[in-house]
Each structure stands twice: as structure tokens, then as C-alpha cells.
Amino acid sequence: MVKWRVGYRTLKTAIGAALAIFIAQLLGLEFFVSAGIITVLCISVTKKESLRASWERIVACLIGLVFASVLFAGLGYHPLTIALLFALFIPTAVSFGLERGIVTSVVTMLHLYIYGSITTALWINELLLITIGVTVALVMNSYMPSLEKTLVGKQAELEDRMKQIWKEYSLYLREGESAWDGKEITQASAIVNTAKGMALKTMDNYFLRNEDYFYHYFRMREKQLDVIERILPFISTLDRTVVQGEKMAEFMDELSDAISPNNKTEYFLNKLSDLSGEIRNMALPGTREEFEVRSALFYILHELENYLTLKKMFKPDPKRTDRVLRKRLHKESQ
């Protein structure tokens, strides 16, 4: 059974449409219900999107009114005139990137057709309908619920999955076998995709302040997950007989325990450099199998460096990071 519920956007749309119609009717405007239609069309998922949609509809309506006034005045009020009007207006709107304003413009142009004459009063009527509809939509869209709490939760979920992945890699290097099915990699990718969309929505709800912390964070983690996936086939070629396997397992354990929003990477890069130096100073491989193992080790070291460099390049806002950590610690203490 489909779950039935009324979301905040549905509620805003319903109230906004009713309010726009009420105002237009109170002012005695012709075709007052059109103000409600415009409001419904202009309410979007983010503030910036709503502003863009409103601007496109205003411009498209003005162009449509000019086209309709010229053609109806010159050719008369006939269905063929409407066909010609649409044939000229729609390509024009598309060429100016005003596709979202086509439906609204069609409504206003048909008002002129229904009225049967072009007058200043009718133009003012249409402009007021557009103004009321757009203004109410922007007012209703001025409130957007914060997604920060949800994004903090997604951040914690993602880091838990990444910690588990490194633990499983470490376990395989120590024991040479594992029953792990790799589900955490798939789960982590799904979390990143969902969280990035939410972060983009958050960015679009602010005009004067930069709210891109979460987007850049999840984008960084996405690239790190790519590294983790590239390492997997090479980890599976190693076993506990590899001399440096235990040290690499210890490194991955420590890396797992240190995953957090403000993890310092210099320590791990230095430790990785030492581990790489040890492998380089080992005796040259004597067999093909030893050569392949050595190559796998160097590839894993190279990718681990990429993994750490991605985090090092990530420059979070210290105030934002501290706030996120406090929220997570508070959540975990409950």
C-alpha cells in the first residue's frame, strides 16, 4: 500500500495557491484563478530554483503578451491566429531558454483571446496576475527546512561503512581469506549519491552565504571510494605469506580508526612513506609470482597515497567541522 502523507512542499503549494487566488479576487482581477496556477508552477524544491523559475515565467509571459497583442490586433481573434501565435512564440521561448514559462504564457495569451480585445486594463490585469502569483510563490518558498541534521547522519553512516571496509581489507591481509561479501562498498556508494543530491539542494537554498561544505565532503569521499574499489582486486592477490602484509594490515587498521571529518593526513602520509621505503629495500623478487606480489604491493601503496592526498586537499570550514563533530558526539552519547 502506498504511504499517504502531506509534505511541507505540498502544504506550501496549497496555501500559496489559495492565498494568490484570494488576493487576485480581492483586487477584482479578471481570470483571478490564474494567479493560483502561477504560484503552483513557481514553487520549486529550492529557493534558487524557485527564483529562476519565476524569472523565466515573467519574461516568457511578457514576450507572449507582446506576440498575442500584435497577432490578434493584426489578424483577428481566430483559431488560426492562435495556431500561428503558438508556432511563433514557442520556438522563441525555447531559443531564449524560457521553456518553463511556456505553459504560463499560454494561459495569459488565451486570456487576451477570450477577452476579444487588447486594452491597457487587460494588460495591467495580466501583469498583476503574474506579479501576485510569482510574489506569493517566492514568499512561500522563503522557508526551506534545514537538511544539516540529515547530512550529518549520512556522514556518520558513510564513515562507518568506510571503517568497516578497511577492517575487512586488513583482516584478509592477516588471514589470507575472508567471507566478506563487499556490501559496505555498495552501501557507501549509495549513501554518497543520496547525500550529494541533498548537499546540492542545500547549496541552492542560500543566496548570500556559501554552504558547500557537505557537497565537497561527499565528493571527496566519493573519490576515495573509487580508490578503495581499485585496491580490492590487488588486495585479493595477496595472502598472509607476504612479508609486508602484516604491516600494511596494521596501517589499514589505524587508518580505519582515524576516519573522521577533520582527520589529519600528514601522519599517515609519513607512515606510508616509511612502509614504501621498507618494501623498496627488500631483496629483488626471484620468481614471477614474487614479482607480481611486489607489483601489487606498490600499486596498493600508490593508491593509498592517492586516498590520503584526496583528504589532504579537502579544506573544510573549521567552524562547520567543529559544529558537525559536536552534533555527532551528542547523537552518539544519547
Protein backbone atom coordinates (compact mmCIF):
# COMPACT_ATOMS: atom_id res chain seq x y z
CA MET A 1 0.00 0.00 0.00
CA VAL A 2 1.33 3.43 -0.96
CA LYS A 3 2.04 5.62 2.06
CA TRP A 4 -0.12 8.75 2.06
CA ARG A 5 1.27 11.91 3.59
CA VAL A 6 1.24 15.68 3.16
CA GLY A 7 4.75 17.09 2.85
CA TYR A 8 5.84 20.63 3.61
CA ARG A 9 6.12 21.45 -0.11
CA THR A 10 2.57 20.21 -0.74
CA LEU A 11 1.35 22.29 2.18
CA LYS A 12 3.16 25.39 0.90
CA THR A 13 1.74 24.87 -2.58
CA ALA A 14 -1.81 24.51 -1.29
CA ILE A 15 -1.63 27.56 0.97
CA GLY A 16 0.20 29.63 -1.65
CA ALA A 17 -2.30 28.87 -4.41
CA ALA A 18 -5.24 29.73 -2.15
CA LEU A 19 -3.57 32.95 -0.98
CA ALA A 20 -2.74 34.08 -4.53
CA ILE A 21 -6.31 33.45 -5.70
CA PHE A 22 -7.68 35.27 -2.65
CA ILE A 23 -5.53 38.36 -3.30
CA ALA A 24 -6.35 38.42 -7.02
CA GLN A 25 -10.06 38.01 -6.31
CA LEU A 26 -9.92 40.68 -3.62
CA LEU A 27 -8.46 43.11 -6.18
CA GLY A 28 -11.27 42.27 -8.59
CA LEU A 29 -8.98 40.91 -11.32
CA GLU A 30 -10.27 39.03 -14.33
CA PHE A 31 -9.26 35.34 -14.51
CA PHE A 32 -8.16 35.53 -10.85
CA VAL A 33 -7.67 31.75 -10.55
CA SER A 34 -4.67 32.08 -12.88
CA ALA A 35 -2.73 33.70 -10.03
CA GLY A 36 -3.01 30.41 -8.13
CA ILE A 37 -1.83 28.44 -11.16
CA ILE A 38 1.23 30.66 -11.49
CA THR A 39 2.02 30.19 -7.79
CA VAL A 40 1.82 26.40 -8.10
CA LEU A 41 4.15 26.44 -11.10
CA CYS A 42 6.71 28.70 -9.40
CA ILE A 43 7.08 26.82 -6.11
CA SER A 44 10.18 24.65 -6.50
CA VAL A 45 12.37 22.39 -4.40
CA THR A 46 14.95 25.11 -3.63
CA LYS A 47 14.99 28.88 -3.25
CA LYS A 48 17.32 29.50 -6.19
CA GLU A 49 15.32 27.17 -8.40
CA SER A 50 12.12 28.98 -7.46
CA LEU A 51 13.71 32.34 -8.27
CA ARG A 52 14.95 31.06 -11.65
CA ALA A 53 11.56 29.57 -12.49
CA SER A 54 9.79 32.78 -11.52
CA TRP A 55 12.11 34.91 -13.63
CA GLU A 56 11.67 32.66 -16.67
CA ARG A 57 7.88 32.80 -16.37
CA ILE A 58 7.80 36.59 -16.01
CA VAL A 59 9.95 37.12 -19.11
CA ALA A 60 8.09 34.46 -21.10
CA CYS A 61 4.73 35.99 -20.20
CA LEU A 62 5.84 39.46 -21.28
CA ILE A 63 7.07 38.10 -24.62
CA GLY A 64 3.84 36.11 -25.02
CA LEU A 65 1.66 39.15 -24.33
CA VAL A 66 3.54 41.17 -26.95
CA PHE A 67 3.19 38.39 -29.55
CA ALA A 68 -0.51 37.91 -28.77
CA SER A 69 -1.28 41.63 -28.86
CA VAL A 70 0.39 42.09 -32.24
CA LEU A 71 -1.14 39.00 -33.90
CA PHE A 72 -4.65 39.37 -32.51
CA ALA A 73 -4.71 43.06 -33.40
CA GLY A 74 -3.41 42.38 -36.91
CA LEU A 75 -5.12 39.08 -37.83
CA GLY A 76 -8.15 38.98 -35.57
CA TYR A 77 -9.38 36.56 -32.96
CA HIS A 78 -9.50 33.26 -34.83
CA PRO A 79 -8.27 29.74 -34.04
CA LEU A 80 -5.83 30.01 -36.95
CA THR A 81 -4.33 33.07 -35.31
CA ILE A 82 -3.77 31.02 -32.14
CA ALA A 83 -2.04 28.32 -34.20
CA LEU A 84 0.27 30.91 -35.76
CA LEU A 85 0.82 32.53 -32.35
CA PHE A 86 1.95 29.28 -30.77
CA ALA A 87 4.06 28.37 -33.80
CA LEU A 88 5.99 31.64 -33.42
CA PHE A 89 6.05 32.00 -29.64
CA ILE A 90 7.12 28.51 -28.53
CA PRO A 91 10.34 28.38 -30.64
CA THR A 92 11.14 31.91 -29.48
CA ALA A 93 10.74 30.96 -25.82
CA VAL A 94 12.85 27.83 -26.29
CA SER A 95 15.61 29.79 -28.05
CA PHE A 96 15.83 32.12 -25.04
CA GLY A 97 15.85 29.21 -22.57
CA LEU A 98 12.38 30.01 -21.24
CA GLU A 99 10.81 26.56 -21.62
CA ARG A 100 9.37 26.58 -18.11
CA GLY A 101 7.46 29.76 -18.88
CA ILE A 102 5.62 28.41 -21.93
CA VAL A 103 2.61 26.99 -20.06
CA THR A 104 2.11 30.16 -18.00
CA SER A 105 2.43 32.31 -21.12
CA VAL A 106 -0.14 30.24 -22.99
CA VAL A 107 -2.63 30.91 -20.20
CA THR A 108 -2.09 34.68 -20.34
CA MET A 109 -2.22 34.76 -24.15
CA LEU A 110 -5.51 32.86 -24.16
CA HIS A 111 -6.92 35.44 -21.74
CA LEU A 112 -6.48 38.03 -24.48
CA TYR A 113 -8.22 35.70 -26.94
CA ILE A 114 -11.15 35.12 -24.56
CA TYR A 115 -11.48 38.84 -23.83
CA GLY A 116 -11.63 39.64 -27.54
CA SER A 117 -9.81 42.98 -27.41
CA ILE A 118 -6.45 44.45 -26.46
CA THR A 119 -6.75 47.12 -23.79
CA THR A 120 -4.46 48.74 -21.26
CA ALA A 121 -6.69 47.48 -18.47
CA LEU A 122 -6.33 43.90 -19.67
CA TRP A 123 -2.55 44.22 -19.84
CA ILE A 124 -2.49 45.59 -16.29
CA ASN A 125 -4.75 42.72 -15.23
CA GLU A 126 -2.36 40.13 -16.64
CA LEU A 127 0.71 41.81 -15.19
CA LEU A 128 -0.93 41.89 -11.76
CA LEU A 129 -1.84 38.19 -12.02
CA ILE A 130 1.77 37.35 -12.83
CA THR A 131 3.10 39.59 -10.06
CA ILE A 132 0.78 38.15 -7.42
CA GLY A 133 1.42 34.56 -8.45
CA VAL A 134 5.20 34.93 -8.51
CA THR A 135 5.40 37.02 -5.32
CA VAL A 136 3.31 34.57 -3.30
CA ALA A 137 5.41 31.66 -4.59
CA LEU A 138 8.65 33.37 -3.57
CA VAL A 139 7.25 34.20 -0.13
CA MET A 140 6.10 30.62 0.41
CA ASN A 141 9.47 29.31 -0.78
CA SER A 142 11.39 31.63 1.56
CA TYR A 143 11.29 28.87 4.18
CA MET A 144 13.17 25.66 3.49
CA PRO A 145 13.77 23.03 6.20
CA SER A 146 17.43 22.51 7.06
CA LEU A 147 18.99 19.27 5.84
CA GLU A 148 22.09 19.62 8.01
CA LYS A 149 20.94 17.11 10.63
CA THR A 150 20.24 14.53 7.93
CA LEU A 151 23.57 15.21 6.22
CA VAL A 152 25.44 14.77 9.50
CA GLY A 153 23.72 11.41 9.84
CA LYS A 154 24.70 10.45 6.28
CA GLN A 155 28.25 11.49 7.03
CA ALA A 156 28.36 9.20 10.07
CA GLU A 157 26.82 6.30 8.11
CA LEU A 158 29.34 6.70 5.32
CA GLU A 159 32.34 6.81 7.63
CA ASP A 160 31.10 3.70 9.44
CA ARG A 161 30.98 1.84 6.12
CA MET A 162 34.45 3.04 5.15
CA LYS A 163 35.86 1.98 8.51
CA GLN A 164 34.40 -1.48 8.02
CA ILE A 165 35.87 -1.76 4.51
CA TRP A 166 39.39 -1.01 5.77
CA LYS A 167 38.90 -3.51 8.62
CA GLU A 168 37.91 -6.20 6.11
CA TYR A 169 40.93 -5.43 3.92
CA SER A 170 43.16 -5.67 6.99
CA LEU A 171 41.56 -8.97 8.03
CA TYR A 172 42.20 -10.51 4.63
CA LEU A 173 45.85 -9.44 4.66
CA ARG A 174 46.28 -11.11 8.05
CA GLU A 175 44.37 -14.32 7.44
CA GLY A 176 44.56 -14.78 3.68
CA GLU A 177 40.85 -15.45 3.38
CA SER A 178 37.54 -13.78 4.16
CA ALA A 179 33.80 -14.41 3.91
CA TRP A 180 33.14 -10.70 3.36
CA ASP A 181 30.64 -10.02 0.57
CA GLY A 182 31.66 -6.39 -0.02
CA LYS A 183 28.19 -4.99 0.70
CA GLU A 184 29.68 -1.99 2.54
CA ILE A 185 31.17 -0.69 -0.72
CA THR A 186 27.76 -0.73 -2.41
CA GLN A 187 26.12 0.83 0.64
CA ALA A 188 28.76 3.56 0.83
CA SER A 189 28.27 4.45 -2.85
CA ALA A 190 24.51 4.69 -2.35
CA ILE A 191 24.96 6.96 0.67
CA VAL A 192 27.31 9.25 -1.28
CA ASN A 193 24.89 9.56 -4.20
CA THR A 194 21.97 10.41 -1.92
CA ALA A 195 23.97 12.82 0.23
CA LYS A 196 25.43 14.69 -2.74
CA GLY A 197 21.93 15.39 -4.04
CA MET A 198 20.87 16.66 -0.63
CA ALA A 199 24.01 18.80 -0.36
CA LEU A 200 23.34 20.37 -3.76
CA LYS A 201 19.80 21.17 -2.63
CA THR A 202 21.21 22.83 0.50
CA MET A 203 23.57 24.95 -1.61
CA ASP A 204 20.60 26.11 -3.71
CA ASN A 205 18.76 27.34 -0.64
CA TYR A 206 21.29 30.07 0.20
CA PHE A 207 21.92 33.29 -1.72
CA LEU A 208 24.38 35.24 0.41
CA ARG A 209 26.39 32.53 2.15
CA ASN A 210 28.44 29.64 0.89
CA GLU A 211 27.05 26.31 2.07
CA ASP A 212 29.15 23.89 0.03
CA TYR A 213 30.91 22.06 2.90
CA PHE A 214 28.84 18.89 2.67
CA TYR A 215 28.95 18.75 -1.13
CA HIS A 216 32.74 18.94 -1.22
CA TYR A 217 32.98 16.49 1.67
CA PHE A 218 30.87 13.82 -0.04
CA ARG A 219 32.58 14.49 -3.37
CA MET A 220 35.93 13.83 -1.65
CA ARG A 221 34.62 10.62 -0.12
CA GLU A 222 33.28 9.54 -3.50
CA LYS A 223 36.76 9.80 -4.99
CA GLN A 224 38.19 7.91 -2.01
CA LEU A 225 35.66 5.13 -2.59
CA ASP A 226 36.92 4.90 -6.17
CA VAL A 227 40.40 4.30 -4.74
CA ILE A 228 39.07 1.67 -2.34
CA GLU A 229 37.38 -0.18 -5.21
CA ARG A 230 40.53 -0.06 -7.35
CA ILE A 231 42.56 -1.60 -4.50
CA LEU A 232 40.19 -4.52 -3.93
CA PRO A 233 41.38 -6.83 -6.75
CA PHE A 234 45.02 -6.29 -5.73
CA ILE A 235 44.28 -6.98 -2.04
CA SER A 236 42.75 -10.30 -3.09
CA THR A 237 46.01 -11.34 -4.81
CA LEU A 238 47.93 -11.13 -1.53
CA ASP A 239 47.89 -13.51 1.42
CA ARG A 240 49.42 -13.81 4.86
CA THR A 241 52.67 -15.16 3.43
CA VAL A 242 53.53 -11.70 2.08
CA VAL A 243 56.28 -10.26 4.27
CA GLN A 244 54.89 -6.73 4.46
CA GLY A 245 51.26 -7.86 4.65
CA GLU A 246 51.09 -7.57 8.44
CA LYS A 247 52.46 -4.00 8.46
CA MET A 248 50.07 -2.98 5.71
CA ALA A 249 47.22 -4.55 7.69
CA GLU A 250 48.25 -2.54 10.75
CA PHE A 251 48.33 0.61 8.63
CA MET A 252 44.78 -0.06 7.36
CA ASP A 253 43.53 -0.75 10.89
CA GLU A 254 44.93 2.56 12.06
CA LEU A 255 43.54 4.32 9.01
CA SER A 256 40.12 2.84 9.74
CA ASP A 257 40.12 4.06 13.34
CA ALA A 258 41.11 7.60 12.28
CA ILE A 259 38.35 8.26 9.71
CA SER A 260 36.58 11.50 10.67
CA PRO A 261 35.68 14.89 9.16
CA ASN A 262 38.89 16.54 10.43
CA ASN A 263 41.34 13.64 10.11
CA LYS A 264 44.96 14.79 9.86
CA THR A 265 46.73 13.12 6.91
CA GLU A 266 50.36 14.13 7.42
CA TYR A 267 50.95 11.38 9.98
CA PHE A 268 49.61 8.70 7.64
CA LEU A 269 51.49 10.02 4.61
CA ASN A 270 54.75 9.86 6.59
CA LYS A 271 53.99 6.37 7.81
CA LEU A 272 53.09 5.29 4.28
CA SER A 273 56.39 6.70 3.03
CA ASP A 274 58.26 4.60 5.62
CA LEU A 275 56.35 1.48 4.61
CA SER A 276 57.11 2.14 0.95
CA GLY A 277 60.79 2.54 1.78
CA GLU A 278 60.85 -0.82 3.54
CA ILE A 279 59.38 -2.56 0.51
CA ARG A 280 61.81 -0.84 -1.85
CA ASN A 281 64.76 -2.06 0.28
CA MET A 282 63.62 -5.69 0.12
CA ALA A 283 65.61 -8.14 -1.98
CA LEU A 284 64.65 -8.23 -5.63
CA PRO A 285 61.94 -10.79 -6.49
CA GLY A 286 63.35 -14.10 -7.66
CA THR A 287 60.24 -15.56 -9.30
CA ARG A 288 57.36 -14.36 -11.42
CA GLU A 289 54.95 -14.81 -8.51
CA GLU A 290 57.15 -12.73 -6.22
CA PHE A 291 57.38 -10.04 -8.90
CA GLU A 292 53.58 -9.93 -9.24
CA VAL A 293 53.18 -9.69 -5.47
CA ARG A 294 55.71 -6.86 -5.29
CA SER A 295 53.91 -5.02 -8.09
CA ALA A 296 50.60 -5.41 -6.26
CA LEU A 297 52.15 -4.02 -3.09
CA PHE A 298 53.49 -0.95 -4.88
CA TYR A 299 50.15 -0.37 -6.60
CA ILE A 300 48.32 -0.54 -3.27
CA LEU A 301 50.81 1.91 -1.75
CA HIS A 302 50.31 4.27 -4.71
CA GLU A 303 46.54 4.17 -4.32
CA LEU A 304 46.75 4.65 -0.57
CA GLU A 305 48.76 7.79 -1.22
CA ASN A 306 46.04 8.98 -3.60
CA TYR A 307 43.44 8.22 -0.93
CA LEU A 308 45.27 10.31 1.67
CA THR A 309 46.06 13.12 -0.76
CA LEU A 310 42.34 13.50 -1.55
CA LYS A 311 41.66 14.07 2.14
CA LYS A 312 44.61 16.42 2.47
CA MET A 313 43.28 18.56 -0.41
CA PHE A 314 39.88 18.80 1.25
CA LYS A 315 39.70 22.17 3.01
CA PRO A 316 36.69 22.22 5.35
CA ASP A 317 35.44 25.27 7.17
CA PRO A 318 36.78 24.82 10.76
CA LYS A 319 33.60 26.26 12.31
CA ARG A 320 31.43 23.97 10.22
CA THR A 321 33.58 20.93 11.00
CA ASP A 322 33.50 21.63 14.74
CA ARG A 323 29.72 22.02 14.64
CA VAL A 324 29.31 18.75 12.75
CA LEU A 325 31.56 16.90 15.21
CA ARG A 326 29.64 18.28 18.20
CA LYS A 327 26.35 17.13 16.71
CA ARG A 328 27.73 13.67 16.03
CA LEU A 329 29.19 13.33 19.52
CA HIS A 330 25.89 14.47 21.04
CA LYS A 331 23.98 11.95 18.92
CA GLU A 332 26.35 9.09 19.85
CA SER A 333 26.11 9.92 23.57
CA GLN A 334 22.33 9.56 23.62
